[in-house]
N, C-alpha and C. Protein backbone atom coordinates (compact mmCIF):
# COMPACT_ATOMS: atom_id res chain seq x y z
N UNK A 1 -4.62 -12.14 -41.01
CA UNK A 1 -3.71 -11.10 -40.19
C UNK A 1 -3.94 -11.15 -38.85
N UNK A 2 -2.72 -11.19 -38.20
CA UNK A 2 -2.54 -11.27 -36.81
C UNK A 2 -3.05 -10.22 -35.98
N UNK A 3 -4.02 -10.40 -34.99
CA UNK A 3 -4.10 -9.45 -34.15
C UNK A 3 -3.17 -8.86 -33.08
N UNK A 4 -3.21 -7.64 -33.06
CA UNK A 4 -2.24 -6.75 -32.07
C UNK A 4 -2.74 -7.19 -30.53
N UNK A 5 -1.71 -7.57 -29.83
CA UNK A 5 -2.12 -7.74 -28.40
C UNK A 5 -1.91 -6.29 -27.59
N UNK A 6 -2.69 -6.12 -26.78
CA UNK A 6 -2.48 -4.91 -25.97
C UNK A 6 -1.31 -5.32 -25.04
N UNK A 7 -0.29 -3.99 -24.79
CA UNK A 7 0.41 -4.38 -23.94
C UNK A 7 -0.04 -4.62 -22.31
N UNK A 8 0.22 -5.62 -21.60
CA UNK A 8 -0.44 -5.36 -20.12
C UNK A 8 0.18 -4.76 -19.35
N UNK A 9 -1.14 -3.86 -18.71
CA UNK A 9 -0.47 -3.01 -17.75
C UNK A 9 0.22 -3.66 -16.71
N UNK A 10 1.41 -2.89 -16.26
CA UNK A 10 2.55 -3.73 -15.27
C UNK A 10 1.71 -4.38 -14.00
N UNK A 11 1.08 -3.26 -13.42
CA UNK A 11 0.28 -3.75 -12.27
C UNK A 11 -0.54 -2.71 -11.96
N UNK A 12 -1.93 -3.09 -12.31
CA UNK A 12 -2.98 -2.19 -11.80
C UNK A 12 -3.08 -2.02 -10.15
N UNK A 13 -3.15 -0.55 -10.18
CA UNK A 13 -3.34 -0.29 -8.48
C UNK A 13 -4.87 -0.42 -8.20
N UNK A 14 -4.92 -0.97 -6.85
CA UNK A 14 -6.07 -1.27 -6.36
C UNK A 14 -6.61 -0.20 -5.34
N UNK A 15 -5.35 0.09 -4.49
CA UNK A 15 -5.43 1.20 -3.52
C UNK A 15 -4.06 1.57 -3.06
N UNK A 16 -4.10 2.85 -2.86
CA UNK A 16 -2.69 3.56 -2.50
C UNK A 16 -2.77 4.23 -1.17
N UNK A 17 -1.79 4.00 -0.32
CA UNK A 17 -1.72 5.02 0.84
C UNK A 17 -0.75 6.05 0.67
N UNK A 18 -1.42 7.27 0.11
CA UNK A 18 -0.73 8.50 -0.28
C UNK A 18 -0.48 9.19 1.03
N UNK A 19 -1.03 9.16 2.38
CA UNK A 19 -0.82 9.60 3.56
C UNK A 19 0.54 9.34 3.97
N UNK A 20 0.96 8.13 3.80
CA UNK A 20 2.22 7.27 4.09
C UNK A 20 3.44 8.08 3.84
N UNK A 21 3.54 8.52 2.28
CA UNK A 21 4.62 9.34 1.98
C UNK A 21 4.86 10.71 2.68
N UNK A 22 3.58 11.43 3.07
CA UNK A 22 3.81 12.44 4.21
C UNK A 22 4.38 12.43 5.28
N UNK A 23 3.91 11.25 5.80
CA UNK A 23 4.38 10.70 7.36
C UNK A 23 5.43 10.23 7.62
N UNK A 24 6.19 9.56 6.49
CA UNK A 24 7.13 8.80 6.85
C UNK A 24 8.46 8.94 5.71
N UNK A 25 9.70 8.59 5.91
CA UNK A 25 10.85 8.34 4.87
C UNK A 25 10.90 7.17 4.75
N UNK A 26 10.74 6.52 3.33
CA UNK A 26 10.71 5.13 3.16
C UNK A 26 12.26 4.55 2.79
N UNK A 27 12.93 3.87 3.20
CA UNK A 27 14.09 2.99 3.39
C UNK A 27 14.42 2.17 2.41
N UNK A 28 13.48 1.15 2.72
CA UNK A 28 13.36 -0.08 1.63
C UNK A 28 11.86 -0.30 1.41
N UNK A 29 11.54 -1.13 0.23
CA UNK A 29 10.37 -1.63 -0.23
C UNK A 29 10.57 -3.11 -0.50
N UNK A 30 9.22 -3.61 0.12
CA UNK A 30 9.11 -5.16 -0.49
C UNK A 30 7.59 -5.33 -0.96
N UNK A 31 7.48 -6.18 -1.80
CA UNK A 31 6.25 -7.00 -2.10
C UNK A 31 5.81 -7.97 -1.70
N UNK A 32 4.72 -7.91 -0.85
CA UNK A 32 4.30 -9.42 -0.23
C UNK A 32 3.05 -9.77 -0.86
N UNK A 33 2.68 -11.19 -0.78
CA UNK A 33 1.29 -11.46 -1.21
C UNK A 33 0.58 -11.37 0.23
N UNK A 34 -0.80 -11.69 -0.21
CA UNK A 34 -1.71 -11.17 1.01
C UNK A 34 -2.53 -12.75 0.91
N UNK A 35 -2.76 -13.24 2.21
CA UNK A 35 -3.86 -14.12 2.37
C UNK A 35 -5.21 -13.62 2.30
N UNK A 36 -6.12 -14.17 1.44
CA UNK A 36 -7.41 -13.30 1.27
C UNK A 36 -8.39 -14.22 1.41
N UNK A 37 -9.81 -14.01 1.70
CA UNK A 37 -10.71 -14.69 1.41
C UNK A 37 -11.79 -14.25 0.15
N UNK A 38 -12.36 -15.34 -0.45
CA UNK A 38 -12.93 -15.06 -1.94
C UNK A 38 -13.69 -14.03 -1.83
N UNK A 39 -14.58 -13.39 -0.76
CA UNK A 39 -15.25 -12.38 -0.90
C UNK A 39 -14.58 -10.87 -1.00
N UNK A 40 -13.18 -11.24 -0.33
CA UNK A 40 -12.29 -10.09 -0.28
C UNK A 40 -11.99 -9.90 -1.54
N UNK A 41 -11.46 -10.94 -2.35
CA UNK A 41 -10.89 -10.64 -3.60
C UNK A 41 -12.14 -9.97 -4.89
N UNK A 42 -13.31 -10.39 -4.49
CA UNK A 42 -14.46 -9.80 -5.32
C UNK A 42 -14.52 -8.35 -5.00
N UNK A 43 -14.47 -8.00 -3.97
CA UNK A 43 -14.32 -6.60 -3.26
C UNK A 43 -13.59 -5.98 -3.95
N UNK A 44 -12.21 -6.46 -4.02
CA UNK A 44 -11.03 -5.78 -4.36
C UNK A 44 -11.18 -5.70 -5.99
N UNK A 45 -11.56 -6.30 -6.74
CA UNK A 45 -11.70 -6.27 -7.84
C UNK A 45 -12.73 -5.30 -8.19
N UNK A 46 -13.54 -4.93 -7.42
CA UNK A 46 -14.53 -3.60 -7.48
C UNK A 46 -14.07 -2.29 -6.75
N UNK A 47 -12.85 -2.51 -6.33
CA UNK A 47 -12.06 -1.23 -6.14
C UNK A 47 -12.76 -0.61 -4.55
N UNK A 48 -13.12 -1.62 -3.76
CA UNK A 48 -13.49 -1.48 -2.52
C UNK A 48 -12.56 -1.50 -1.10
N UNK A 49 -11.36 -0.89 -1.23
CA UNK A 49 -10.13 -1.03 -0.46
C UNK A 49 -9.48 0.06 -0.10
N UNK A 50 -9.26 0.26 1.28
CA UNK A 50 -8.62 1.58 1.69
C UNK A 50 -7.80 1.01 2.82
N UNK A 51 -6.43 1.88 2.52
CA UNK A 51 -4.96 1.43 3.01
C UNK A 51 -4.55 2.68 4.24
N UNK A 52 -5.41 3.58 4.20
CA UNK A 52 -4.97 4.89 5.04
C UNK A 52 -4.34 4.81 6.27
N UNK A 53 -5.29 3.92 6.93
CA UNK A 53 -4.94 3.67 8.48
C UNK A 53 -4.17 2.45 8.82
N UNK A 54 -3.81 1.83 7.68
CA UNK A 54 -2.86 0.30 7.81
C UNK A 54 -1.74 0.59 8.35
N UNK A 55 -1.29 -0.45 9.13
CA UNK A 55 0.19 -0.57 9.42
C UNK A 55 0.21 -2.22 9.52
N UNK A 56 1.73 -2.45 9.45
CA UNK A 56 2.14 -3.88 9.68
C UNK A 56 2.60 -4.12 10.99
N UNK A 57 2.37 -5.35 11.35
CA UNK A 57 2.97 -5.78 12.52
C UNK A 57 3.67 -7.28 12.44
N UNK A 58 4.81 -7.35 13.45
CA UNK A 58 5.30 -8.77 13.27
C UNK A 58 4.75 -9.57 14.29
N UNK A 59 4.15 -10.82 14.20
CA UNK A 59 3.67 -11.30 15.15
C UNK A 59 4.30 -13.07 15.12
N UNK A 60 4.98 -13.35 16.14
CA UNK A 60 5.82 -14.78 15.91
C UNK A 60 6.23 -15.41 14.59
N UNK A 61 6.95 -14.04 14.37
CA UNK A 61 7.55 -14.52 12.92
C UNK A 61 7.09 -14.33 11.53
N UNK A 62 5.76 -13.92 11.76
CA UNK A 62 4.99 -13.50 10.48
C UNK A 62 4.59 -12.13 10.75
N UNK A 63 4.48 -11.70 9.24
CA UNK A 63 3.53 -10.17 9.01
C UNK A 63 2.34 -10.22 9.03
N UNK A 64 1.44 -9.50 9.52
CA UNK A 64 0.18 -9.11 9.56
C UNK A 64 -0.07 -7.66 9.04
N UNK A 65 -0.88 -7.50 8.28
CA UNK A 65 -1.36 -6.08 8.12
C UNK A 65 -2.95 -5.83 8.81
N UNK A 66 -2.69 -4.85 9.37
CA UNK A 66 -4.04 -4.39 10.56
C UNK A 66 -4.27 -2.87 9.86
N UNK A 67 -5.54 -2.76 9.76
CA UNK A 67 -6.36 -1.44 9.54
C UNK A 67 -6.47 -1.56 7.94
N UNK A 68 -6.31 -2.54 7.44
CA UNK A 68 -6.74 -2.28 5.54
C UNK A 68 -8.27 -2.63 5.71
N UNK A 69 -8.71 -1.74 5.28
CA UNK A 69 -10.23 -2.04 4.94
C UNK A 69 -10.67 -2.40 3.75
N UNK A 70 -11.12 -3.65 3.52
CA UNK A 70 -11.95 -4.30 2.39
C UNK A 70 -13.47 -3.94 2.77
N UNK A 71 -14.18 -3.24 2.23
CA UNK A 71 -15.62 -3.18 2.53
C UNK A 71 -16.40 -4.34 1.30
N UNK A 72 -17.06 -5.23 2.08
CA UNK A 72 -17.91 -6.23 1.46
C UNK A 72 -19.02 -5.93 0.33
N UNK A 73 -19.10 -6.56 -0.87
CA UNK A 73 -20.11 -6.09 -1.72
C UNK A 73 -21.19 -6.37 -1.18
N UNK A 74 -22.18 -5.75 -1.83
CA UNK A 74 -23.69 -6.11 -1.39
C UNK A 74 -24.22 -7.15 -1.56
N UNK A 75 -23.68 -7.94 -2.64
CA UNK A 75 -23.91 -9.23 -3.08
C UNK A 75 -23.33 -10.40 -2.36
N UNK A 76 -22.61 -10.11 -1.08
CA UNK A 76 -22.03 -10.91 -0.71
C UNK A 76 -22.88 -11.97 -0.33
N UNK A 77 -22.22 -13.28 -0.12
CA UNK A 77 -22.75 -14.68 0.42
C UNK A 77 -23.40 -14.50 1.59
N UNK A 78 -24.50 -15.16 1.55
CA UNK A 78 -25.29 -15.03 3.18
C UNK A 78 -24.96 -15.84 4.15
N UNK A 79 -24.08 -17.17 3.73
CA UNK A 79 -23.76 -17.81 4.68
C UNK A 79 -22.12 -17.44 5.39
N UNK A 80 -21.56 -16.22 4.89
CA UNK A 80 -20.30 -15.73 5.30
C UNK A 80 -20.46 -14.63 5.91
N UNK A 81 -19.75 -14.16 7.21
CA UNK A 81 -20.03 -13.00 7.76
C UNK A 81 -18.83 -12.12 7.42
N UNK A 82 -18.63 -11.15 6.59
CA UNK A 82 -17.39 -10.25 6.11
C UNK A 82 -17.39 -9.54 7.17
N UNK A 83 -15.84 -9.25 7.43
CA UNK A 83 -15.60 -8.56 8.35
C UNK A 83 -14.36 -7.44 7.70
N UNK A 84 -14.98 -6.30 7.56
CA UNK A 84 -14.27 -5.51 6.88
C UNK A 84 -12.63 -5.10 7.16
N UNK A 85 -12.39 -5.15 8.63
CA UNK A 85 -11.25 -4.82 9.19
C UNK A 85 -10.66 -5.94 9.61
N UNK A 86 -10.56 -7.16 8.98
CA UNK A 86 -10.01 -8.41 9.38
C UNK A 86 -8.69 -8.05 9.17
N UNK A 87 -7.61 -8.74 10.35
CA UNK A 87 -6.22 -8.74 9.94
C UNK A 87 -5.67 -9.53 8.94
N UNK A 88 -5.01 -9.17 7.94
CA UNK A 88 -4.57 -10.21 6.99
C UNK A 88 -3.14 -10.67 6.94
N UNK A 89 -2.78 -11.92 6.79
CA UNK A 89 -1.47 -12.10 6.98
C UNK A 89 -0.71 -11.82 5.64
N UNK A 90 0.48 -11.38 5.59
CA UNK A 90 1.13 -11.31 4.40
C UNK A 90 2.27 -12.46 4.34
N UNK A 91 2.70 -12.50 3.01
CA UNK A 91 3.57 -13.73 2.62
C UNK A 91 4.80 -12.85 2.03
N UNK A 92 6.27 -13.35 3.06
CA UNK A 92 7.05 -13.17 2.32
C UNK A 92 8.03 -14.20 2.79
N UNK A 93 9.52 -14.08 2.16
CA UNK A 93 10.35 -15.09 2.18
C UNK A 93 11.04 -14.98 3.72
N UNK A 94 11.26 -16.11 4.30
CA UNK A 94 11.94 -16.05 5.65
C UNK A 94 12.93 -15.16 5.95
N UNK A 95 13.95 -15.02 4.87
CA UNK A 95 15.15 -14.38 5.18
C UNK A 95 14.71 -12.98 5.19
N UNK A 96 13.56 -12.51 4.44
CA UNK A 96 13.33 -11.27 4.46
C UNK A 96 12.53 -10.80 5.61
N UNK A 97 11.69 -11.76 6.16
CA UNK A 97 11.03 -11.38 7.54
C UNK A 97 12.17 -11.22 8.43
N UNK A 98 13.15 -12.13 8.42
CA UNK A 98 14.12 -11.80 9.63
C UNK A 98 14.70 -10.77 9.41
N UNK A 99 15.28 -10.17 8.42
CA UNK A 99 16.17 -8.97 8.19
C UNK A 99 14.89 -7.75 8.62
N UNK A 100 13.60 -7.94 8.26
CA UNK A 100 12.79 -6.77 8.66
C UNK A 100 12.57 -6.86 10.16
N UNK A 101 12.67 -7.98 10.85
CA UNK A 101 12.41 -7.91 12.09
C UNK A 101 13.51 -7.09 12.88
N UNK A 102 14.71 -7.45 12.28
CA UNK A 102 15.75 -6.85 12.95
C UNK A 102 16.11 -5.22 12.88
N UNK A 103 15.53 -4.87 11.88
CA UNK A 103 15.42 -3.36 11.35
C UNK A 103 14.33 -2.82 12.03
N UNK A 104 13.06 -3.40 12.18
CA UNK A 104 11.89 -2.80 12.67
C UNK A 104 12.33 -2.56 14.34
N UNK A 105 13.12 -3.69 15.12
CA UNK A 105 13.70 -3.63 16.43
C UNK A 105 14.31 -2.14 16.53
N UNK A 106 15.16 -1.53 15.56
CA UNK A 106 15.72 -0.40 15.89
C UNK A 106 14.77 0.60 16.10
N UNK A 107 15.11 1.76 16.58
CA UNK A 107 14.51 2.91 16.91
C UNK A 107 13.95 3.57 15.93
N UNK A 108 12.83 3.76 16.01
CA UNK A 108 12.20 4.75 15.02
C UNK A 108 11.64 3.82 13.71
N UNK A 109 11.82 2.79 13.35
CA UNK A 109 11.40 2.26 12.08
C UNK A 109 10.18 1.40 12.44
N UNK A 110 9.30 1.34 11.37
CA UNK A 110 8.15 0.79 11.25
C UNK A 110 7.67 0.35 9.86
N UNK A 111 6.87 -0.68 9.67
CA UNK A 111 6.63 -1.21 8.55
C UNK A 111 5.10 -0.58 8.23
N UNK A 112 5.04 0.02 6.72
CA UNK A 112 3.69 0.72 6.41
C UNK A 112 3.48 0.05 5.23
N UNK A 113 2.02 -0.40 5.02
CA UNK A 113 1.64 -0.73 3.48
C UNK A 113 1.58 0.52 2.73
N UNK A 114 2.03 0.21 1.28
CA UNK A 114 2.05 1.66 0.43
C UNK A 114 0.89 1.51 -0.14
N UNK A 115 0.82 0.25 -1.12
CA UNK A 115 -0.46 0.20 -2.12
C UNK A 115 -0.88 -1.63 -1.99
N UNK A 116 -1.79 -1.79 -2.60
CA UNK A 116 -2.45 -2.95 -3.00
C UNK A 116 -2.47 -2.95 -4.62
N UNK A 117 -1.88 -3.99 -5.37
CA UNK A 117 -1.99 -4.04 -6.83
C UNK A 117 -1.88 -5.53 -7.39
N UNK A 118 -2.67 -5.91 -8.41
CA UNK A 118 -2.53 -7.20 -8.93
C UNK A 118 -1.36 -7.33 -9.82
N UNK A 119 -0.85 -8.88 -9.26
CA UNK A 119 0.36 -9.30 -10.40
C UNK A 119 -0.19 -10.64 -10.64
N UNK A 120 0.15 -10.92 -11.84
CA UNK A 120 -0.40 -12.48 -12.44
C UNK A 120 -1.72 -12.82 -11.87
N UNK A 121 -2.73 -12.09 -11.58
CA UNK A 121 -3.91 -12.45 -11.20
C UNK A 121 -4.09 -12.60 -9.44
N UNK A 122 -2.96 -12.08 -8.91
CA UNK A 122 -2.82 -11.96 -7.62
C UNK A 122 -2.89 -10.61 -7.02
N UNK A 123 -3.31 -10.73 -5.78
CA UNK A 123 -3.16 -9.41 -5.17
C UNK A 123 -2.00 -9.53 -4.27
N UNK A 124 -1.14 -8.26 -4.34
CA UNK A 124 0.16 -8.04 -3.75
C UNK A 124 0.02 -6.94 -2.97
N UNK A 125 0.79 -6.73 -1.86
CA UNK A 125 0.67 -5.50 -0.92
C UNK A 125 2.19 -5.33 -1.02
N UNK A 126 2.43 -3.81 -1.46
CA UNK A 126 3.76 -3.19 -1.34
C UNK A 126 3.98 -2.57 0.22
N UNK A 127 4.79 -3.17 0.73
CA UNK A 127 5.08 -2.63 2.10
C UNK A 127 6.56 -1.81 1.84
N UNK A 128 6.72 -0.90 3.08
CA UNK A 128 7.86 -0.27 3.06
C UNK A 128 8.54 -0.02 4.49
N UNK A 129 9.43 -0.46 4.65
CA UNK A 129 10.53 0.04 6.13
C UNK A 129 10.63 1.67 6.10
N UNK A 130 10.12 2.14 7.03
CA UNK A 130 9.87 3.29 7.15
C UNK A 130 10.48 4.09 8.44
N UNK A 131 11.07 5.22 8.14
CA UNK A 131 11.02 5.95 9.62
C UNK A 131 10.19 7.17 9.69
N UNK A 132 9.74 7.50 10.63
CA UNK A 132 8.69 8.77 11.04
C UNK A 132 9.41 10.32 10.70
N UNK A 133 8.43 11.05 10.16
CA UNK A 133 9.00 12.50 9.96
C UNK A 133 8.67 13.09 11.14
N UNK A 134 9.61 13.87 11.36
CA UNK A 134 9.22 14.89 12.46
C UNK A 134 8.65 16.11 11.76
N UNK A 135 7.96 16.84 12.50
CA UNK A 135 6.95 18.02 12.18
C UNK A 135 7.87 18.88 11.33
N UNK A 136 9.00 19.29 11.56
CA UNK A 136 9.52 20.23 10.37
C UNK A 136 10.01 19.69 9.24
N UNK A 137 10.10 18.15 9.09
CA UNK A 137 10.27 17.51 7.85
C UNK A 137 8.93 17.76 7.01
N UNK A 138 7.65 17.54 7.67
CA UNK A 138 6.63 17.75 7.04
C UNK A 138 6.29 18.82 6.32
N UNK A 139 6.83 20.10 7.20
CA UNK A 139 6.54 21.48 7.10
C UNK A 139 7.47 21.43 5.47
N UNK A 140 8.44 20.83 5.55
CA UNK A 140 9.45 20.96 4.21
C UNK A 140 8.77 20.48 3.11
N UNK A 141 8.10 19.28 3.37
CA UNK A 141 7.38 18.60 2.31
C UNK A 141 6.41 19.45 1.48
N UNK A 142 5.69 20.15 2.73
CA UNK A 142 4.60 21.03 2.06
C UNK A 142 5.25 22.17 1.33
N UNK A 143 6.41 22.88 1.71
CA UNK A 143 6.84 23.97 1.00
C UNK A 143 7.44 23.62 -0.37
N UNK A 144 8.21 22.34 -0.48
CA UNK A 144 8.46 21.79 -1.71
C UNK A 144 7.39 21.78 -2.64
N UNK A 145 6.34 20.97 -2.20
CA UNK A 145 4.97 20.79 -3.27
C UNK A 145 4.41 21.93 -3.45
N UNK A 146 4.45 23.07 -2.61
CA UNK A 146 4.03 24.48 -3.07
C UNK A 146 4.69 25.11 -3.99
N UNK A 147 5.94 24.82 -3.70
CA UNK A 147 7.14 25.69 -4.72
C UNK A 147 6.86 24.89 -6.13
N UNK A 148 6.84 23.58 -6.32
CA UNK A 148 6.57 22.97 -7.49
C UNK A 148 5.32 23.07 -8.01
N UNK A 149 4.17 23.46 -7.29
CA UNK A 149 3.23 23.99 -7.92
C UNK A 149 3.19 25.41 -8.61
N UNK A 150 3.82 26.27 -8.02
CA UNK A 150 4.27 27.67 -8.31
C UNK A 150 4.80 27.60 -9.69
N UNK A 151 6.15 26.83 -9.58
CA UNK A 151 6.81 26.75 -10.88
C UNK A 151 5.87 26.50 -12.07
N UNK A 152 4.91 25.36 -11.75
CA UNK A 152 3.96 24.75 -12.95
C UNK A 152 2.97 25.82 -13.32
N UNK A 153 2.53 26.54 -12.41
CA UNK A 153 1.68 27.52 -12.82
C UNK A 153 2.63 28.62 -13.76
N UNK A 154 3.61 29.09 -13.12
CA UNK A 154 4.57 30.18 -13.97
C UNK A 154 4.75 29.77 -15.25
N UNK A 155 5.17 28.13 -15.62
CA UNK A 155 5.47 27.89 -16.87
C UNK A 155 4.02 27.66 -17.50
N UNK A 156 3.10 27.52 -17.07
CA UNK A 156 1.83 27.30 -17.73
C UNK A 156 1.45 28.76 -18.57
N UNK A 157 1.44 29.73 -17.46
CA UNK A 157 1.23 30.88 -18.00
C UNK A 157 1.94 31.74 -19.08
N UNK A 158 3.16 31.12 -19.05
CA UNK A 158 4.23 31.72 -19.88
C UNK A 158 3.95 31.09 -21.19
N UNK A 159 3.53 29.64 -21.24
CA UNK A 159 3.15 29.10 -22.55
C UNK A 159 2.01 29.49 -23.19
N UNK A 160 1.18 30.11 -22.56
CA UNK A 160 -0.27 30.41 -23.16
C UNK A 160 -0.06 31.50 -24.46
C-alpha cells in the first residue's frame, strides 16, 4: 500500500504585520528573500519574530528591512553576539528594485513588510508598496469592521 502524502502547506506564516493593513493602502506586493544569520533562522523556526514596527528602506540600490525584531533563543551560541534588531538585507531582482525606487520617490509611497513565511525551506518577506491612510480612512476601516461584526452576530443569533 502506498502511503498518502500530506498536502504541503502553501507557506506557513512566521510573523505578520496586522497593523500595516490598518495604517496603509496596499498598491503592489512583492516577495523578497532575506539575508539571515544562522541563529536568526533557528529563532524564526521557534516563532520568535515581530514585524509590527518594521519598515523597508532603499540604500545604494538595495533594500533593507529595519525594525524587524528576531529575538535570539536562550540556547544561542556563546561565541556569537545576537542583535535582535539588526538591519536585514532583502533580495529582489534589479528590475523590481529600480521600479520600486521610482515609485517610492513619488509623494506618499513607502515600503512596508507584511509577513515572514517559509517557502522551500527559505525565509521570504512579503513587502508592499503602500500609501498612508488619512485619519478619516482609518475611521472608515473601523466602522466597516464593526458593521461586519454586527452582521455576523445577527446571523449567529438567527441560526440558533
